[in-house]
Amino acid sequence: MKRIFTLIAATALTSAAVAQTMKVYTGHVVTSYAAEVLGDVNFNNGTQLTLQGKTFNTSDIDSIVVDRSQAAAARTMQVAYANGNTWVTVSGDVASLLNIAVKGDHVSVVATPETAEEITYALGGTATNGSFYMDGHYKSTLRFDNLNLTNPDSAAVCIDNGKRINVILADGSTNSLTDGAGGMQKACFFINGHAEIKGAGVLNLTGNTKHAYASDEYTWIKNGGTTINVLSAVSDGLHVDQYFQMDGGTLNVSGTKGDCVDASCTKDPADLQNGQIIINGGAITMDVAAIDVKGLKGEKDVTINGGTIKATVSGDGSKGMSVGGNLLVAQAEGATTLINMTVSGTTYKYTDPITGLPDSSKCRGIKVTGNYTLSGGTINMTVTGKKAKGISIDGEYKYLGGTTNVVPE
């Protein structure tokens, strides 16, 4: 203990002359302190050491290292995955707010209710039997930088704090997440909260139990450089509660047994844009073959103001787009709206699970339960199969502009 005290004192004395970093090692967690802002060092009967509000049991400290490396950026936790040798580095200013556990390549962190500033969780590296779990009470940023993570048992990444989560795909990075089959997880990548996705990187998703991606509140793709590839899913590619919005970027969905993009209502009917899909730009490509499957499925309204949507959908009862409310296809100023669909299949006959009576679902290019307004853009559609149709509308149709080409007519 005397040696540790001497080391810390020497660090404080020399920090003014030479920038130094002190690192406290406890297991596979490194707490990083910039010496010039370290502040007071408190010892408690030789059994505890407190640094910037973080108390360590001295029996848990493996080592303390002082060097001239750059300290971890403020308000960050970094996870460097490496099969069997994953390390976590946390900045000293937030260490007291985070309860971190590392078991092999599985990392979990829970932020305390006292957290009052946004923390960035930066993940990178590779693990074939690893995961990341985060919970807390404050909005956060999740950054992927060449992350390749497979969890054979459950979700690869699970964010459980119910707040706004900035998901940043580092520019130029390629990231891949895969979950295990037969688990209890909702998705390979799950966010309990509202996700805002940005960054000029690539995210590949494989869902072996249920959805590839799911969120319990809205998901918003905000950046034109973002690319998300759903490679396969046992259920939906993207399953989003509240609403799904896309302003730019690229979304490719294939190999799903469920819908490509499904926006469902939350339990609170007052939630903003509940059950809606809003497409303002970007490119969506969907290629799926399954019974009663949908390309885009909105439980309520679907609004398309721009962007390119290409859907190749096949299977009895399948639909390129299913709209539970009203559909608006428009073309905003300076934007291009182009929808190309190839849909094939015949009638899907089944027994209604609620009534127990026979029911059926017909194959449609676009099925609208409410009203349909076309005010701009171009829709090209080829629909084949017995009793299949291009566009089916239960409500009113209003034409204000745009072009529709359906083959056969």
Protein backbone atom coordinates (compact mmCIF):
# COMPACT_ATOMS: atom_id res chain seq x y z
CA MET A 1 0.00 0.00 0.00
CA LYS A 2 2.85 2.39 0.78
CA ARG A 3 4.23 1.70 -2.70
CA ILE A 4 0.86 2.57 -4.29
CA PHE A 5 0.62 5.81 -2.31
CA THR A 6 4.15 6.81 -3.31
CA LEU A 7 3.39 6.09 -6.96
CA ILE A 8 0.25 8.24 -6.93
CA ALA A 9 2.00 11.08 -5.14
CA ALA A 10 4.83 11.02 -7.67
CA THR A 11 2.31 11.10 -10.51
CA ALA A 12 0.64 14.21 -9.09
CA LEU A 13 3.99 15.99 -8.63
CA THR A 14 5.20 15.36 -12.18
CA SER A 15 1.95 15.80 -14.07
CA ALA A 16 2.45 19.53 -14.52
CA ALA A 17 5.72 18.92 -16.36
CA VAL A 18 4.79 15.84 -18.37
CA ALA A 19 1.25 14.71 -19.32
CA GLN A 20 0.73 11.36 -17.67
CA THR A 21 -2.05 8.80 -17.35
CA MET A 22 -2.69 6.57 -14.39
CA LYS A 23 -4.41 3.25 -15.09
CA VAL A 24 -5.98 1.12 -12.40
CA TYR A 25 -6.31 -2.54 -13.45
CA THR A 26 -9.05 -4.67 -11.85
CA GLY A 27 -9.52 -7.89 -13.76
CA HIS A 28 -10.12 -6.99 -17.42
CA VAL A 29 -11.32 -3.47 -16.60
CA VAL A 30 -8.92 -0.53 -16.85
CA THR A 31 -9.90 2.77 -15.25
CA SER A 32 -8.03 5.61 -16.92
CA TYR A 33 -7.20 8.92 -15.17
CA ALA A 34 -5.46 11.93 -16.65
CA ALA A 35 -2.96 12.85 -13.93
CA GLU A 36 -3.48 16.60 -14.31
CA VAL A 37 -7.16 16.30 -13.31
CA LEU A 38 -6.85 13.41 -10.88
CA GLY A 39 -7.57 15.50 -7.80
CA ASP A 40 -7.49 14.15 -4.27
CA VAL A 41 -6.52 10.55 -3.52
CA ASN A 42 -8.19 9.05 -0.47
CA PHE A 43 -7.19 5.89 1.42
CA ASN A 44 -9.41 4.16 3.95
CA ASN A 45 -7.54 2.02 6.48
CA GLY A 46 -5.37 0.66 3.73
CA THR A 47 -8.25 -1.41 2.34
CA GLN A 48 -9.86 1.07 -0.06
CA LEU A 49 -8.64 3.64 -2.56
CA THR A 50 -10.93 6.42 -3.85
CA LEU A 51 -10.19 8.31 -7.08
CA GLN A 52 -12.64 10.86 -8.54
CA GLY A 53 -15.48 9.35 -6.54
CA LYS A 54 -14.69 5.75 -7.56
CA THR A 55 -13.80 3.50 -4.63
CA PHE A 56 -11.64 0.45 -5.25
CA ASN A 57 -11.04 -2.35 -2.78
CA THR A 58 -7.27 -2.64 -2.76
CA SER A 59 -7.62 -6.42 -2.77
CA ASP A 60 -9.29 -6.14 -6.22
CA ILE A 61 -6.53 -4.03 -7.74
CA ASP A 62 -4.17 -6.10 -9.88
CA SER A 63 -1.84 -3.22 -10.67
CA ILE A 64 -1.53 0.54 -11.09
CA VAL A 65 0.42 1.78 -14.10
CA VAL A 66 1.54 5.33 -14.83
CA ASP A 67 2.66 6.12 -18.36
CA ARG A 68 2.62 8.87 -20.96
CA SER A 69 -0.20 7.41 -23.07
CA GLN A 70 -3.28 9.47 -23.76
CA ALA A 71 -5.98 9.11 -21.15
CA ALA A 72 -9.38 7.78 -22.17
CA ALA A 73 -11.66 10.49 -23.53
CA ALA A 74 -14.06 11.99 -21.02
CA ARG A 75 -17.39 10.21 -20.45
CA THR A 76 -16.43 7.08 -22.36
CA MET A 77 -16.33 3.35 -21.91
CA GLN A 78 -14.43 1.40 -24.56
CA VAL A 79 -14.71 -2.34 -25.16
CA ALA A 80 -11.97 -4.02 -27.20
CA TYR A 81 -13.26 -7.50 -28.01
CA ALA A 82 -10.64 -10.17 -28.64
CA ASN A 83 -11.54 -13.85 -28.43
CA GLY A 84 -10.80 -14.82 -24.84
CA ASN A 85 -9.00 -11.57 -24.06
CA THR A 86 -11.58 -8.76 -24.07
CA TRP A 87 -10.68 -5.54 -22.22
CA VAL A 88 -12.78 -2.63 -21.02
CA THR A 89 -11.34 0.87 -20.55
CA VAL A 90 -13.43 3.46 -18.71
CA SER A 91 -12.62 7.11 -18.17
CA GLY A 92 -12.14 8.10 -14.56
CA ASP A 93 -14.77 10.85 -14.63
CA VAL A 94 -17.63 8.32 -15.07
CA ALA A 95 -16.12 5.23 -13.44
CA SER A 96 -18.06 5.84 -10.22
CA LEU A 97 -21.34 5.84 -12.20
CA LEU A 98 -20.86 2.52 -13.97
CA ASN A 99 -21.19 -1.00 -12.62
CA ILE A 100 -19.17 -3.09 -15.07
CA ALA A 101 -18.91 -6.85 -15.31
CA VAL A 102 -16.70 -8.81 -17.69
CA LYS A 103 -17.09 -12.58 -17.99
CA GLY A 104 -14.99 -13.94 -20.80
CA ASP A 105 -16.05 -11.92 -23.82
CA HIS A 106 -19.44 -10.99 -22.35
CA VAL A 107 -19.58 -7.40 -21.09
CA SER A 108 -22.40 -5.79 -19.14
CA VAL A 109 -22.67 -2.29 -17.72
CA VAL A 110 -25.37 -0.62 -15.65
CA ALA A 111 -25.26 3.16 -15.17
CA THR A 112 -26.50 4.45 -11.82
CA PRO A 113 -29.48 6.83 -11.48
CA GLU A 114 -27.01 9.62 -10.63
CA THR A 115 -25.80 9.66 -14.25
CA ALA A 116 -26.62 13.15 -15.56
CA GLU A 117 -24.45 13.39 -18.70
CA GLU A 118 -24.37 11.30 -21.83
CA ILE A 119 -21.83 8.47 -21.85
CA THR A 120 -20.41 6.97 -25.05
CA TYR A 121 -19.98 3.20 -25.21
CA ALA A 122 -17.47 2.43 -27.98
CA LEU A 123 -17.30 -1.19 -29.16
CA GLY A 124 -14.75 -2.75 -31.50
CA GLY A 125 -12.91 -5.98 -32.15
CA THR A 126 -14.02 -9.58 -32.61
CA ALA A 127 -15.54 -12.24 -30.36
CA THR A 128 -17.26 -15.46 -31.41
CA ASN A 129 -18.79 -16.01 -27.96
CA GLY A 130 -19.42 -12.53 -26.64
CA SER A 131 -22.05 -9.88 -26.04
CA PHE A 132 -22.71 -6.36 -24.83
CA TYR A 133 -25.49 -5.41 -22.42
CA MET A 134 -26.22 -1.89 -21.16
CA ASP A 135 -28.85 -0.50 -18.84
CA GLY A 136 -29.23 2.91 -17.21
CA HIS A 137 -31.41 5.95 -16.68
CA TYR A 138 -29.99 8.51 -19.11
CA LYS A 139 -29.60 8.85 -22.88
CA SER A 140 -26.41 7.36 -24.30
CA THR A 141 -24.29 6.93 -27.42
CA LEU A 142 -23.37 3.52 -28.78
CA ARG A 143 -20.50 3.52 -31.25
CA PHE A 144 -19.53 0.55 -33.46
CA ASP A 145 -16.05 0.62 -34.99
CA ASN A 146 -15.26 -2.63 -36.85
CA LEU A 147 -17.19 -4.73 -34.33
CA ASN A 148 -17.73 -8.41 -35.12
CA LEU A 149 -19.75 -10.01 -32.35
CA THR A 150 -21.48 -13.38 -32.13
CA ASN A 151 -23.40 -14.58 -29.10
CA PRO A 152 -24.37 -18.27 -29.42
CA ASP A 153 -26.83 -18.02 -26.52
CA SER A 154 -28.67 -14.70 -26.71
CA ALA A 155 -28.57 -11.22 -28.22
CA ALA A 156 -25.25 -9.92 -29.47
CA VAL A 157 -26.09 -6.37 -28.32
CA CYS A 158 -28.92 -5.54 -25.91
CA ILE A 159 -29.58 -1.96 -24.77
CA ASP A 160 -32.16 -1.88 -22.02
CA ASN A 161 -32.35 1.64 -20.61
CA GLY A 162 -35.39 3.00 -22.44
CA LYS A 163 -33.87 6.37 -23.39
CA ARG A 164 -32.62 7.96 -26.62
CA ILE A 165 -29.72 5.93 -27.96
CA ASN A 166 -27.43 7.43 -30.58
CA VAL A 167 -26.11 4.52 -32.65
CA ILE A 168 -23.03 5.63 -34.58
CA LEU A 169 -21.43 3.44 -37.23
CA ALA A 170 -17.88 4.74 -37.44
CA ASP A 171 -17.08 6.11 -40.88
CA GLY A 172 -15.58 3.40 -43.08
CA SER A 173 -16.23 0.63 -40.55
CA THR A 174 -17.85 -2.75 -41.22
CA ASN A 175 -19.71 -4.25 -38.27
CA SER A 176 -21.43 -7.63 -37.94
CA LEU A 177 -23.76 -8.92 -35.21
CA THR A 178 -25.09 -12.48 -34.95
CA ASP A 179 -27.17 -14.07 -32.21
CA GLY A 180 -27.77 -17.67 -31.20
CA ALA A 181 -30.65 -19.93 -32.18
CA GLY A 182 -33.34 -21.02 -29.74
CA GLY A 183 -32.87 -18.19 -27.26
CA MET A 184 -35.37 -15.92 -25.49
CA GLN A 185 -34.11 -12.65 -27.03
CA LYS A 186 -36.30 -10.42 -29.19
CA ALA A 187 -33.51 -9.72 -31.66
CA CYS A 188 -29.85 -10.07 -32.45
CA PHE A 189 -29.58 -6.29 -31.87
CA PHE A 190 -32.21 -4.99 -29.46
CA ILE A 191 -32.81 -1.49 -28.11
CA ASN A 192 -35.32 -0.75 -25.40
CA GLY A 193 -35.58 2.94 -26.18
CA HIS A 194 -35.59 5.24 -29.20
CA ALA A 195 -32.69 4.70 -31.56
CA GLU A 196 -31.22 7.31 -33.88
CA ILE A 197 -28.76 5.71 -36.31
CA LYS A 198 -26.08 7.64 -38.16
CA GLY A 199 -22.50 7.38 -39.43
CA ALA A 200 -20.99 6.29 -42.75
CA GLY A 201 -20.39 2.69 -41.74
CA VAL A 202 -21.91 -0.72 -42.49
CA LEU A 203 -23.92 -2.90 -40.08
CA ASN A 204 -24.64 -6.54 -40.96
CA LEU A 205 -27.29 -8.34 -38.90
CA THR A 206 -28.24 -12.02 -38.60
CA GLY A 207 -31.18 -13.02 -36.40
CA ASN A 208 -31.18 -16.73 -35.57
CA THR A 209 -33.92 -16.72 -32.92
CA LYS A 210 -36.41 -14.00 -33.91
CA HIS A 211 -35.83 -10.55 -35.40
CA ALA A 212 -32.51 -9.30 -36.74
CA TYR A 213 -33.13 -5.86 -35.17
CA ALA A 214 -35.85 -4.64 -32.82
CA SER A 215 -36.63 -1.54 -30.78
CA ASP A 216 -39.39 -0.90 -28.26
CA GLU A 217 -39.67 2.73 -29.35
CA TYR A 218 -38.95 4.55 -32.59
CA THR A 219 -35.97 3.90 -34.85
CA TRP A 220 -34.72 6.71 -37.09
CA ILE A 221 -32.02 6.29 -39.75
CA LYS A 222 -30.72 9.83 -40.09
CA ASN A 223 -27.51 9.68 -42.11
CA GLY A 224 -27.04 9.31 -45.84
CA GLY A 225 -23.88 7.24 -45.44
CA THR A 226 -25.40 4.57 -43.21
CA THR A 227 -25.75 1.04 -44.61
CA ILE A 228 -27.70 -1.68 -42.78
CA ASN A 229 -27.80 -5.19 -44.22
CA VAL A 230 -30.18 -7.77 -42.75
CA LEU A 231 -28.70 -11.03 -44.00
CA SER A 232 -31.34 -13.32 -42.50
CA ALA A 233 -33.91 -13.51 -39.70
CA VAL A 234 -36.19 -16.17 -38.31
CA SER A 235 -38.89 -13.48 -38.03
CA ASP A 236 -38.80 -9.80 -39.11
CA GLY A 237 -35.75 -8.02 -40.44
CA LEU A 238 -36.51 -4.79 -38.55
CA HIS A 239 -39.29 -4.84 -35.98
CA VAL A 240 -39.91 -1.38 -34.58
CA ASP A 241 -42.50 -0.19 -32.07
CA GLN A 242 -43.88 3.36 -32.29
CA TYR A 243 -42.50 4.35 -35.69
CA PHE A 244 -39.75 3.78 -38.24
CA GLN A 245 -38.30 6.78 -40.07
CA MET A 246 -35.62 6.83 -42.74
CA ASP A 247 -34.15 10.10 -44.04
CA GLY A 248 -31.20 8.63 -45.94
CA GLY A 249 -28.77 5.78 -46.15
CA THR A 250 -29.20 2.25 -47.45
CA LEU A 251 -31.26 -0.58 -46.01
CA ASN A 252 -31.02 -4.06 -47.54
CA VAL A 253 -33.23 -6.83 -46.15
CA SER A 254 -33.19 -10.44 -47.34
CA GLY A 255 -33.59 -13.97 -46.06
CA THR A 256 -36.31 -13.22 -43.50
CA LYS A 257 -39.11 -15.60 -42.57
CA GLY A 258 -41.16 -12.63 -41.40
CA ASP A 259 -41.68 -9.10 -42.69
CA CYS A 260 -38.77 -7.04 -43.93
CA VAL A 261 -39.71 -3.86 -42.02
CA ASP A 262 -42.55 -3.96 -39.48
CA ALA A 263 -43.68 -0.86 -37.54
CA SER A 264 -46.15 -1.67 -34.77
CA CYS A 265 -48.07 0.43 -32.28
CA THR A 266 -46.93 0.75 -28.69
CA LYS A 267 -49.31 0.18 -25.79
CA ASP A 268 -49.78 3.94 -25.42
CA PRO A 269 -52.01 5.23 -28.26
CA ALA A 270 -50.85 8.79 -27.52
CA ASP A 271 -47.28 8.04 -28.57
CA LEU A 272 -46.08 10.24 -31.44
CA GLN A 273 -46.65 8.77 -34.94
CA ASN A 274 -47.61 5.46 -33.40
CA GLY A 275 -47.44 2.48 -35.77
CA GLN A 276 -46.21 4.58 -38.70
CA ILE A 277 -43.51 4.29 -41.37
CA ILE A 278 -42.03 7.53 -42.75
CA ILE A 279 -39.60 7.42 -45.68
CA ASN A 280 -38.05 10.75 -46.64
CA GLY A 281 -35.03 9.48 -48.55
CA GLY A 282 -32.44 6.77 -48.94
CA ALA A 283 -32.67 3.37 -50.62
CA ILE A 284 -34.50 0.29 -49.39
CA THR A 285 -34.07 -3.08 -51.10
CA MET A 286 -36.12 -6.06 -49.90
CA ASP A 287 -35.95 -9.64 -51.17
CA VAL A 288 -38.05 -12.15 -49.29
CA ALA A 289 -39.94 -15.38 -49.98
CA ALA A 290 -42.33 -16.71 -47.33
CA ILE A 291 -46.00 -17.32 -46.67
CA ASP A 292 -48.03 -14.19 -45.84
CA VAL A 293 -44.89 -12.02 -45.72
CA LYS A 294 -44.74 -8.25 -46.24
CA GLY A 295 -42.00 -5.98 -47.50
CA LEU A 296 -43.03 -2.81 -45.66
CA LYS A 297 -45.70 -3.23 -42.98
CA GLY A 298 -47.10 -0.28 -41.06
CA GLU A 299 -49.80 -0.96 -38.49
CA LYS A 300 -51.02 2.61 -39.06
CA ASP A 301 -50.06 5.24 -41.69
CA VAL A 302 -47.24 4.98 -44.21
CA THR A 303 -45.82 8.18 -45.71
CA ILE A 304 -43.26 8.18 -48.54
CA ASN A 305 -41.86 11.58 -49.49
CA GLY A 306 -38.73 10.48 -51.32
CA GLY A 307 -36.20 7.71 -51.77
CA THR A 308 -36.01 4.47 -53.70
CA ILE A 309 -37.87 1.33 -52.61
CA LYS A 310 -37.31 -1.97 -54.39
CA ALA A 311 -39.23 -5.03 -53.23
CA THR A 312 -39.12 -8.59 -54.54
CA VAL A 313 -41.69 -10.52 -52.50
CA SER A 314 -43.11 -13.97 -53.10
CA GLY A 315 -45.37 -16.37 -51.25
CA ASP A 316 -49.04 -17.05 -50.77
CA GLY A 317 -50.73 -14.04 -49.21
CA SER A 318 -47.58 -11.93 -49.61
CA LYS A 319 -47.62 -8.15 -50.03
CA GLY A 320 -45.02 -5.67 -51.18
CA MET A 321 -46.48 -3.06 -48.83
CA SER A 322 -49.17 -3.47 -46.18
CA VAL A 323 -50.69 -0.30 -44.70
CA GLY A 324 -53.03 -0.52 -41.71
CA GLY A 325 -53.96 3.17 -41.95
CA ASN A 326 -53.57 5.73 -44.74
CA LEU A 327 -50.92 5.68 -47.46
CA LEU A 328 -49.39 8.85 -48.92
CA VAL A 329 -46.89 8.61 -51.77
CA ALA A 330 -45.43 12.02 -52.58
CA GLN A 331 -42.28 13.56 -53.97
CA ALA A 332 -40.81 16.34 -51.89
CA GLU A 333 -39.10 19.25 -53.61
CA GLY A 334 -35.62 18.24 -54.73
CA ALA A 335 -36.27 14.57 -54.01
CA THR A 336 -37.00 11.52 -56.16
CA THR A 337 -39.59 8.93 -55.22
CA LEU A 338 -39.30 5.59 -57.03
CA ILE A 339 -41.02 2.37 -56.00
CA ASN A 340 -40.34 -0.84 -57.93
CA MET A 341 -42.13 -4.02 -56.83
CA THR A 342 -42.25 -7.59 -58.07
CA VAL A 343 -44.81 -9.58 -56.09
CA SER A 344 -45.96 -13.14 -56.71
CA GLY A 345 -48.22 -15.63 -54.99
CA THR A 346 -51.78 -16.76 -54.59
CA THR A 347 -54.25 -16.82 -51.71
CA TYR A 348 -53.05 -17.97 -48.29
CA LYS A 349 -55.75 -19.92 -46.44
CA TYR A 350 -55.55 -20.35 -42.68
CA THR A 351 -57.56 -20.64 -39.46
CA ASP A 352 -57.97 -17.41 -37.53
CA PRO A 353 -56.28 -18.01 -34.14
CA ILE A 354 -58.84 -15.81 -32.33
CA THR A 355 -62.15 -16.87 -33.89
CA GLY A 356 -61.12 -20.36 -34.91
CA LEU A 357 -62.83 -19.77 -38.26
CA PRO A 358 -61.35 -20.21 -41.75
CA ASP A 359 -59.81 -17.06 -43.21
CA SER A 360 -57.60 -16.05 -46.10
CA SER A 361 -55.06 -13.45 -47.20
CA LYS A 362 -54.69 -12.54 -50.85
CA CYS A 363 -51.46 -11.60 -52.61
CA ARG A 364 -51.20 -7.84 -53.25
CA GLY A 365 -48.58 -5.42 -54.46
CA ILE A 366 -49.90 -2.74 -52.10
CA LYS A 367 -52.71 -3.27 -49.60
CA VAL A 368 -54.20 -0.14 -47.95
CA THR A 369 -56.79 -0.44 -45.18
CA GLY A 370 -57.46 3.31 -45.09
CA ASN A 371 -57.18 5.99 -47.80
CA TYR A 372 -54.52 6.18 -50.50
CA THR A 373 -53.22 9.48 -51.87
CA LEU A 374 -50.74 9.61 -54.75
CA SER A 375 -49.31 13.08 -55.28
CA GLY A 376 -45.91 12.38 -56.84
CA GLY A 377 -43.24 9.87 -57.72
CA THR A 378 -43.27 6.73 -59.84
CA ILE A 379 -44.58 3.29 -58.93
CA ASN A 380 -43.71 0.31 -61.14
CA MET A 381 -45.24 -3.01 -60.19
CA THR A 382 -45.40 -6.54 -61.59
CA VAL A 383 -47.83 -8.86 -59.83
CA THR A 384 -48.36 -12.52 -60.72
CA GLY A 385 -50.38 -15.36 -59.25
CA LYS A 386 -53.98 -16.55 -59.12
CA LYS A 387 -56.27 -13.81 -57.69
CA ALA A 388 -53.25 -11.56 -57.08
CA LYS A 389 -53.73 -7.80 -57.61
CA GLY A 390 -51.56 -4.74 -57.84
CA ILE A 391 -53.18 -2.23 -55.46
CA SER A 392 -56.10 -2.87 -53.10
CA ILE A 393 -57.70 0.04 -51.19
CA ASP A 394 -60.45 -0.26 -48.59
CA GLY A 395 -60.88 3.52 -48.27
CA GLU A 396 -60.75 6.33 -50.82
CA TYR A 397 -58.20 6.89 -53.58
CA LYS A 398 -57.07 10.43 -54.40
CA TYR A 399 -54.80 11.20 -57.36
CA LEU A 400 -52.88 14.50 -57.30
CA GLY A 401 -49.86 13.57 -59.41
CA GLY A 402 -47.28 10.90 -60.06
CA THR A 403 -47.23 7.76 -62.21
CA THR A 404 -48.32 4.19 -61.58
CA ASN A 405 -47.45 1.30 -63.88
CA VAL A 406 -48.95 -2.09 -62.94
CA VAL A 407 -48.32 -5.24 -64.99
CA PRO A 408 -50.65 -6.87 -65.73
CA GLU A 409 -53.19 -4.05 -65.55
